[in-house]
Amino acid sequence: MKAEYIPPREDVILQNEVPDDVYITVSGEVEIIDCEGEKEHVVGTLQSADMFGEVGALCCRPQSLCSEPRPFHMS
């Protein structure tokens, strides 16, 4: 296991591709996005300690949604 920083808005897992890795959100949030043509629709948000990509990586299945880190906003 290795730690990896992924900047906001960079795709982590692409829709319809099989991921090689399993990811755990250490800090921040990750948006789960459904891309239909040119449209993007956020269908969920993962928080710290949430895991994603495990089904695709372990079962060699293409992912039905895209995952990318959400920009950090200070209140």
PDB file of N, CA and C in Angstrom:
ATOM      1  N   MET A   1       0.851  -1.167   0.000  1.00  0.00           N
ATOM      2  CA  MET A   1       0.000   0.000   0.000  1.00  0.00           C
ATOM      3  C   MET A   1       0.896   1.228   0.000  1.00  0.00           C
ATOM      4  N   LYS A   2       0.518   2.239  -0.786  1.00  0.00           N
ATOM      5  CA  LYS A   2       1.276   3.483  -0.809  1.00  0.00           C
ATOM      6  C   LYS A   2       0.338   4.675  -0.809  1.00  0.00           C
ATOM      7  N   ALA A   3       0.773   5.740  -0.198  1.00  0.00           N
ATOM      8  CA  ALA A   3      -0.014   6.974  -0.183  1.00  0.00           C
ATOM      9  C   ALA A   3       0.234   7.725  -1.479  1.00  0.00           C
ATOM     10  N   GLU A   4      -0.816   8.357  -1.982  1.00  0.00           N
ATOM     11  CA  GLU A   4      -0.711   9.106  -3.229  1.00  0.00           C
ATOM     12  C   GLU A   4      -1.611  10.331  -3.145  1.00  0.00           C
ATOM     13  N   TYR A   5      -1.050  11.497  -3.448  1.00  0.00           N
ATOM     14  CA  TYR A   5      -1.846  12.723  -3.491  1.00  0.00           C
ATOM     15  C   TYR A   5      -2.424  12.856  -4.896  1.00  0.00           C
ATOM     16  N   ILE A   6      -3.716  13.063  -4.985  1.00  0.00           N
ATOM     17  CA  ILE A   6      -4.365  13.280  -6.270  1.00  0.00           C
ATOM     18  C   ILE A   6      -5.052  14.636  -6.195  1.00  0.00           C
ATOM     19  N   PRO A   7      -4.647  15.575  -7.064  1.00  0.00           N
ATOM     20  CA  PRO A   7      -5.215  16.920  -6.994  1.00  0.00           C
ATOM     21  C   PRO A   7      -6.690  16.961  -7.375  1.00  0.00           C
ATOM     22  N   PRO A   8      -7.400  17.994  -6.922  1.00  0.00           N
ATOM     23  CA  PRO A   8      -8.823  18.138  -7.252  1.00  0.00           C
ATOM     24  C   PRO A   8      -9.059  18.128  -8.760  1.00  0.00           C
ATOM     25  N   ARG A   9     -10.177  17.541  -9.130  1.00  0.00           N
ATOM     26  CA  ARG A   9     -10.669  17.470 -10.511  1.00  0.00           C
ATOM     27  C   ARG A   9      -9.847  16.552 -11.418  1.00  0.00           C
ATOM     28  N   GLU A  10      -8.893  15.828 -10.875  1.00  0.00           N
ATOM     29  CA  GLU A  10      -8.150  14.848 -11.678  1.00  0.00           C
ATOM     30  C   GLU A  10      -8.872  13.505 -11.553  1.00  0.00           C
ATOM     31  N   ASP A  11      -9.176  12.878 -12.676  1.00  0.00           N
ATOM     32  CA  ASP A  11      -9.877  11.602 -12.642  1.00  0.00           C
ATOM     33  C   ASP A  11      -9.035  10.541 -11.949  1.00  0.00           C
ATOM     34  N   VAL A  12      -9.650   9.828 -11.022  1.00  0.00           N
ATOM     35  CA  VAL A  12      -8.977   8.727 -10.323  1.00  0.00           C
ATOM     36  C   VAL A  12      -9.344   7.424 -11.020  1.00  0.00           C
ATOM     37  N   ILE A  13     -10.629   7.210 -11.208  1.00  0.00           N
ATOM     38  CA  ILE A  13     -11.126   6.045 -11.936  1.00  0.00           C
ATOM     39  C   ILE A  13     -12.025   6.575 -13.044  1.00  0.00           C
ATOM     40  N   LEU A  14     -11.764   6.127 -14.272  1.00  0.00           N
ATOM     41  CA  LEU A  14     -12.561   6.565 -15.408  1.00  0.00           C
ATOM     42  C   LEU A  14     -13.750   5.646 -15.620  1.00  0.00           C
ATOM     43  N   GLN A  15     -14.846   6.236 -16.042  1.00  0.00           N
ATOM     44  CA  GLN A  15     -16.051   5.467 -16.323  1.00  0.00           C
ATOM     45  C   GLN A  15     -15.772   4.477 -17.452  1.00  0.00           C
ATOM     46  N   ASN A  16     -16.276   3.250 -17.304  1.00  0.00           N
ATOM     47  CA  ASN A  16     -16.145   2.155 -18.266  1.00  0.00           C
ATOM     48  C   ASN A  16     -14.735   1.590 -18.399  1.00  0.00           C
ATOM     49  N   GLU A  17     -13.861   1.883 -17.441  1.00  0.00           N
ATOM     50  CA  GLU A  17     -12.525   1.290 -17.416  1.00  0.00           C
ATOM     51  C   GLU A  17     -12.372   0.445 -16.159  1.00  0.00           C
ATOM     52  N   VAL A  18     -11.484  -0.546 -16.235  1.00  0.00           N
ATOM     53  CA  VAL A  18     -11.232  -1.423 -15.090  1.00  0.00           C
ATOM     54  C   VAL A  18     -10.065  -0.836 -14.292  1.00  0.00           C
ATOM     55  N   PRO A  19     -10.299  -0.470 -13.029  1.00  0.00           N
ATOM     56  CA  PRO A  19      -9.204   0.084 -12.220  1.00  0.00           C
ATOM     57  C   PRO A  19      -8.212  -1.003 -11.805  1.00  0.00           C
ATOM     58  N   ASP A  20      -6.961  -0.604 -11.605  1.00  0.00           N
ATOM     59  CA  ASP A  20      -5.917  -1.521 -11.135  1.00  0.00           C
ATOM     60  C   ASP A  20      -5.756  -1.444  -9.629  1.00  0.00           C
ATOM     61  N   ASP A  21      -6.249  -0.375  -9.037  1.00  0.00           N
ATOM     62  CA  ASP A  21      -6.005  -0.121  -7.627  1.00  0.00           C
ATOM     63  C   ASP A  21      -7.309   0.070  -6.854  1.00  0.00           C
ATOM     64  N   VAL A  22      -7.196  -0.117  -5.547  1.00  0.00           N
ATOM     65  CA  VAL A  22      -8.269   0.178  -4.601  1.00  0.00           C
ATOM     66  C   VAL A  22      -7.851   1.454  -3.881  1.00  0.00           C
ATOM     67  N   TYR A  23      -8.775   2.373  -3.676  1.00  0.00           N
ATOM     68  CA  TYR A  23      -8.461   3.658  -3.065  1.00  0.00           C
ATOM     69  C   TYR A  23      -9.204   3.848  -1.755  1.00  0.00           C
ATOM     70  N   ILE A  24      -8.536   4.497  -0.802  1.00  0.00           N
ATOM     71  CA  ILE A  24      -9.139   4.886   0.468  1.00  0.00           C
ATOM     72  C   ILE A  24      -8.943   6.393   0.595  1.00  0.00           C
ATOM     73  N   THR A  25     -10.019   7.106   0.820  1.00  0.00           N
ATOM     74  CA  THR A  25      -9.947   8.557   0.981  1.00  0.00           C
ATOM     75  C   THR A  25      -9.394   8.859   2.371  1.00  0.00           C
ATOM     76  N   VAL A  26      -8.226   9.490   2.411  1.00  0.00           N
ATOM     77  CA  VAL A  26      -7.596   9.818   3.692  1.00  0.00           C
ATOM     78  C   VAL A  26      -8.091  11.168   4.186  1.00  0.00           C
ATOM     79  N   SER A  27      -8.162  12.134   3.298  1.00  0.00           N
ATOM     80  CA  SER A  27      -8.695  13.447   3.662  1.00  0.00           C
ATOM     81  C   SER A  27      -9.381  14.044   2.448  1.00  0.00           C
ATOM     82  N   GLY A  28     -10.265  14.977   2.693  1.00  0.00           N
ATOM     83  CA  GLY A  28     -11.009  15.591   1.604  1.00  0.00           C
ATOM     84  C   GLY A  28     -12.202  14.749   1.195  1.00  0.00           C
ATOM     85  N   GLU A  29     -12.683  14.984  -0.016  1.00  0.00           N
ATOM     86  CA  GLU A  29     -13.854  14.283  -0.534  1.00  0.00           C
ATOM     87  C   GLU A  29     -13.601  13.866  -1.972  1.00  0.00           C
ATOM     88  N   VAL A  30     -14.303  12.829  -2.395  1.00  0.00           N
ATOM     89  CA  VAL A  30     -14.222  12.340  -3.767  1.00  0.00           C
ATOM     90  C   VAL A  30     -15.644  12.314  -4.323  1.00  0.00           C
ATOM     91  N   GLU A  31     -15.821  12.921  -5.491  1.00  0.00           N
ATOM     92  CA  GLU A  31     -17.127  12.907  -6.136  1.00  0.00           C
ATOM     93  C   GLU A  31     -17.257  11.686  -7.032  1.00  0.00           C
ATOM     94  N   ILE A  32     -18.409  11.061  -6.997  1.00  0.00           N
ATOM     95  CA  ILE A  32     -18.740   9.960  -7.887  1.00  0.00           C
ATOM     96  C   ILE A  32     -19.635  10.566  -8.969  1.00  0.00           C
ATOM     97  N   ILE A  33     -19.182  10.479 -10.216  1.00  0.00           N
ATOM     98  CA  ILE A  33     -19.820  11.207 -11.309  1.00  0.00           C
ATOM     99  C   ILE A  33     -20.293  10.252 -12.397  1.00  0.00           C
ATOM    100  N   ASP A  34     -21.496  10.496 -12.880  1.00  0.00           N
ATOM    101  CA  ASP A  34     -22.041   9.772 -14.031  1.00  0.00           C
ATOM    102  C   ASP A  34     -21.914  10.694 -15.238  1.00  0.00           C
ATOM    103  N   CYS A  35     -21.173  10.254 -16.237  1.00  0.00           N
ATOM    104  CA  CYS A  35     -20.961  11.058 -17.445  1.00  0.00           C
ATOM    105  C   CYS A  35     -21.811  10.515 -18.582  1.00  0.00           C
ATOM    106  N   GLU A  36     -22.732  11.328 -19.053  1.00  0.00           N
ATOM    107  CA  GLU A  36     -23.566  10.975 -20.196  1.00  0.00           C
ATOM    108  C   GLU A  36     -23.259  11.960 -21.306  1.00  0.00           C
ATOM    109  N   GLY A  37     -22.446  11.537 -22.262  1.00  0.00           N
ATOM    110  CA  GLY A  37     -22.056  12.445 -23.339  1.00  0.00           C
ATOM    111  C   GLY A  37     -21.293  13.622 -22.767  1.00  0.00           C
ATOM    112  N   GLU A  38     -21.795  14.817 -22.979  1.00  0.00           N
ATOM    113  CA  GLU A  38     -21.152  16.031 -22.472  1.00  0.00           C
ATOM    114  C   GLU A  38     -21.617  16.396 -21.064  1.00  0.00           C
ATOM    115  N   LYS A  39     -22.653  15.718 -20.564  1.00  0.00           N
ATOM    116  CA  LYS A  39     -23.213  16.038 -19.256  1.00  0.00           C
ATOM    117  C   LYS A  39     -22.536  15.240 -18.148  1.00  0.00           C
ATOM    118  N   GLU A  40     -22.287  15.903 -17.026  1.00  0.00           N
ATOM    119  CA  GLU A  40     -21.770  15.243 -15.823  1.00  0.00           C
ATOM    120  C   GLU A  40     -22.777  15.450 -14.701  1.00  0.00           C
ATOM    121  N   HIS A  41     -23.083  14.371 -13.997  1.00  0.00           N
ATOM    122  CA  HIS A  41     -24.035  14.441 -12.899  1.00  0.00           C
ATOM    123  C   HIS A  41     -23.399  13.790 -11.671  1.00  0.00           C
ATOM    124  N   VAL A  42     -23.216  14.564 -10.592  1.00  0.00           N
ATOM    125  CA  VAL A  42     -22.651  14.024  -9.354  1.00  0.00           C
ATOM    126  C   VAL A  42     -23.721  13.168  -8.681  1.00  0.00           C
ATOM    127  N   VAL A  43     -23.423  11.884  -8.510  1.00  0.00           N
ATOM    128  CA  VAL A  43     -24.398  10.968  -7.910  1.00  0.00           C
ATOM    129  C   VAL A  43     -24.065  10.633  -6.462  1.00  0.00           C
ATOM    130  N   GLY A  44     -22.877  11.038  -6.001  1.00  0.00           N
ATOM    131  CA  GLY A  44     -22.512  10.780  -4.619  1.00  0.00           C
ATOM    132  C   GLY A  44     -21.191  11.422  -4.270  1.00  0.00           C
ATOM    133  N   THR A  45     -20.926  11.492  -2.986  1.00  0.00           N
ATOM    134  CA  THR A  45     -19.677  12.055  -2.487  1.00  0.00           C
ATOM    135  C   THR A  45     -19.132  11.143  -1.403  1.00  0.00           C
ATOM    136  N   LEU A  46     -17.859  10.798  -1.519  1.00  0.00           N
ATOM    137  CA  LEU A  46     -17.199   9.958  -0.520  1.00  0.00           C
ATOM    138  C   LEU A  46     -16.415  10.842   0.433  1.00  0.00           C
ATOM    139  N   GLN A  47     -16.365  10.452   1.696  1.00  0.00           N
ATOM    140  CA  GLN A  47     -15.696  11.205   2.751  1.00  0.00           C
ATOM    141  C   GLN A  47     -14.430  10.464   3.193  1.00  0.00           C
ATOM    142  N   SER A  48     -13.721  11.037   4.152  1.00  0.00           N
ATOM    143  CA  SER A  48     -12.545  10.380   4.724  1.00  0.00           C
ATOM    144  C   SER A  48     -12.897   8.983   5.216  1.00  0.00           C
ATOM    145  N   ALA A  49     -12.014   8.038   4.972  1.00  0.00           N
ATOM    146  CA  ALA A  49     -12.124   6.625   5.350  1.00  0.00           C
ATOM    147  C   ALA A  49     -13.007   5.815   4.413  1.00  0.00           C
ATOM    148  N   ASP A  50     -13.629   6.450   3.407  1.00  0.00           N
ATOM    149  CA  ASP A  50     -14.409   5.694   2.425  1.00  0.00           C
ATOM    150  C   ASP A  50     -13.463   5.040   1.418  1.00  0.00           C
ATOM    151  N   MET A  51     -13.822   3.848   0.964  1.00  0.00           N
ATOM    152  CA  MET A  51     -13.035   3.090   0.015  1.00  0.00           C
ATOM    153  C   MET A  51     -13.788   3.033  -1.309  1.00  0.00           C
ATOM    154  N   PHE A  52     -13.046   3.042  -2.426  1.00  0.00           N
ATOM    155  CA  PHE A  52     -13.686   2.912  -3.736  1.00  0.00           C
ATOM    156  C   PHE A  52     -12.732   2.236  -4.720  1.00  0.00           C
ATOM    157  N   GLY A  53     -13.306   1.660  -5.766  1.00  0.00           N
ATOM    158  CA  GLY A  53     -12.531   0.956  -6.780  1.00  0.00           C
ATOM    159  C   GLY A  53     -12.317  -0.508  -6.496  1.00  0.00           C
ATOM    160  N   GLU A  54     -12.767  -0.969  -5.320  1.00  0.00           N
ATOM    161  CA  GLU A  54     -12.479  -2.348  -4.901  1.00  0.00           C
ATOM    162  C   GLU A  54     -13.173  -3.391  -5.769  1.00  0.00           C
ATOM    163  N   VAL A  55     -14.403  -3.153  -6.154  1.00  0.00           N
ATOM    164  CA  VAL A  55     -15.120  -4.138  -6.968  1.00  0.00           C
ATOM    165  C   VAL A  55     -14.465  -4.265  -8.346  1.00  0.00           C
ATOM    166  N   GLY A  56     -14.151  -3.150  -8.956  1.00  0.00           N
ATOM    167  CA  GLY A  56     -13.510  -3.178 -10.271  1.00  0.00           C
ATOM    168  C   GLY A  56     -12.146  -3.824 -10.236  1.00  0.00           C
ATOM    169  N   ALA A  57     -11.331  -3.455  -9.243  1.00  0.00           N
ATOM    170  CA  ALA A  57      -9.974  -3.989  -9.160  1.00  0.00           C
ATOM    171  C   ALA A  57      -9.959  -5.475  -8.812  1.00  0.00           C
ATOM    172  N   LEU A  58     -10.799  -5.895  -7.893  1.00  0.00           N
ATOM    173  CA  LEU A  58     -10.781  -7.289  -7.455  1.00  0.00           C
ATOM    174  C   LEU A  58     -11.542  -8.225  -8.398  1.00  0.00           C
ATOM    175  N   CYS A  59     -12.542  -7.706  -9.094  1.00  0.00           N
ATOM    176  CA  CYS A  59     -13.370  -8.547  -9.973  1.00  0.00           C
ATOM    177  C   CYS A  59     -13.142  -8.269 -11.454  1.00  0.00           C
ATOM    178  N   CYS A  60     -12.181  -7.388 -11.764  1.00  0.00           N
ATOM    179  CA  CYS A  60     -11.875  -7.023 -13.157  1.00  0.00           C
ATOM    180  C   CYS A  60     -13.119  -6.552 -13.910  1.00  0.00           C
ATOM    181  N   ARG A  61     -13.891  -5.674 -13.273  1.00  0.00           N
ATOM    182  CA  ARG A  61     -15.128  -5.149 -13.875  1.00  0.00           C
ATOM    183  C   ARG A  61     -14.968  -3.676 -14.223  1.00  0.00           C
ATOM    184  N   PRO A  62     -15.419  -3.285 -15.398  1.00  0.00           N
ATOM    185  CA  PRO A  62     -15.416  -1.856 -15.732  1.00  0.00           C
ATOM    186  C   PRO A  62     -16.318  -1.090 -14.763  1.00  0.00           C
ATOM    187  N   GLN A  63     -15.921   0.132 -14.430  1.00  0.00           N
ATOM    188  CA  GLN A  63     -16.685   0.956 -13.506  1.00  0.00           C
ATOM    189  C   GLN A  63     -17.785   1.701 -14.241  1.00  0.00           C
ATOM    190  N   SER A  64     -18.962   1.730 -13.666  1.00  0.00           N
ATOM    191  CA  SER A  64     -20.096   2.402 -14.312  1.00  0.00           C
ATOM    192  C   SER A  64     -20.083   3.906 -14.069  1.00  0.00           C
ATOM    193  N   LEU A  65     -19.226   4.370 -13.135  1.00  0.00           N
ATOM    194  CA  LEU A  65     -19.150   5.796 -12.808  1.00  0.00           C
ATOM    195  C   LEU A  65     -17.697   6.243 -12.758  1.00  0.00           C
ATOM    196  N   CYS A  66     -17.479   7.546 -12.801  1.00  0.00           N
ATOM    197  CA  CYS A  66     -16.151   8.149 -12.734  1.00  0.00           C
ATOM    198  C   CYS A  66     -15.930   8.682 -11.314  1.00  0.00           C
ATOM    199  N   SER A  67     -14.676   8.698 -10.851  1.00  0.00           N
ATOM    200  CA  SER A  67     -14.351   9.204  -9.512  1.00  0.00           C
ATOM    201  C   SER A  67     -13.269  10.272  -9.622  1.00  0.00           C
ATOM    202  N   GLU A  68     -13.477  11.408  -8.946  1.00  0.00           N
ATOM    203  CA  GLU A  68     -12.448  12.449  -8.921  1.00  0.00           C
ATOM    204  C   GLU A  68     -12.524  13.240  -7.620  1.00  0.00           C
ATOM    205  N   PRO A  69     -11.345  13.685  -7.129  1.00  0.00           N
ATOM    206  CA  PRO A  69     -11.336  14.483  -5.897  1.00  0.00           C
ATOM    207  C   PRO A  69     -12.093  15.793  -6.085  1.00  0.00           C
ATOM    208  N   ARG A  70     -12.752  16.203  -5.030  1.00  0.00           N
ATOM    209  CA  ARG A  70     -13.523  17.451  -5.037  1.00  0.00           C
ATOM    210  C   ARG A  70     -12.611  18.578  -4.581  1.00  0.00           C
ATOM    211  N   PRO A  71     -12.724  19.763  -5.192  1.00  0.00           N
ATOM    212  CA  PRO A  71     -11.918  20.902  -4.744  1.00  0.00           C
ATOM    213  C   PRO A  71     -12.232  21.229  -3.277  1.00  0.00           C
ATOM    214  N   PHE A  72     -11.220  21.643  -2.550  1.00  0.00           N
ATOM    215  CA  PHE A  72     -11.370  22.003  -1.149  1.00  0.00           C
ATOM    216  C   PHE A  72     -11.845  23.449  -1.063  1.00  0.00           C
ATOM    217  N   HIS A  73     -12.885  23.684  -0.300  1.00  0.00           N
ATOM    218  CA  HIS A  73     -13.407  25.049  -0.103  1.00  0.00           C
ATOM    219  C   HIS A  73     -13.379  25.374   1.395  1.00  0.00           C
ATOM    220  N   MET A  74     -12.774  26.509   1.713  1.00  0.00           N
ATOM    221  CA  MET A  74     -12.751  26.941   3.119  1.00  0.00           C
ATOM    222  C   MET A  74     -14.012  27.717   3.406  1.00  0.00           C
ATOM    223  N   SER A  75     -14.584  27.501   4.585  1.00  0.00           N
ATOM    224  CA  SER A  75     -15.812  28.208   4.974  1.00  0.00           C
ATOM    225  C   SER A  75     -15.482  29.520   5.623  1.00  0.00           C
TER     226      SER A  75
END
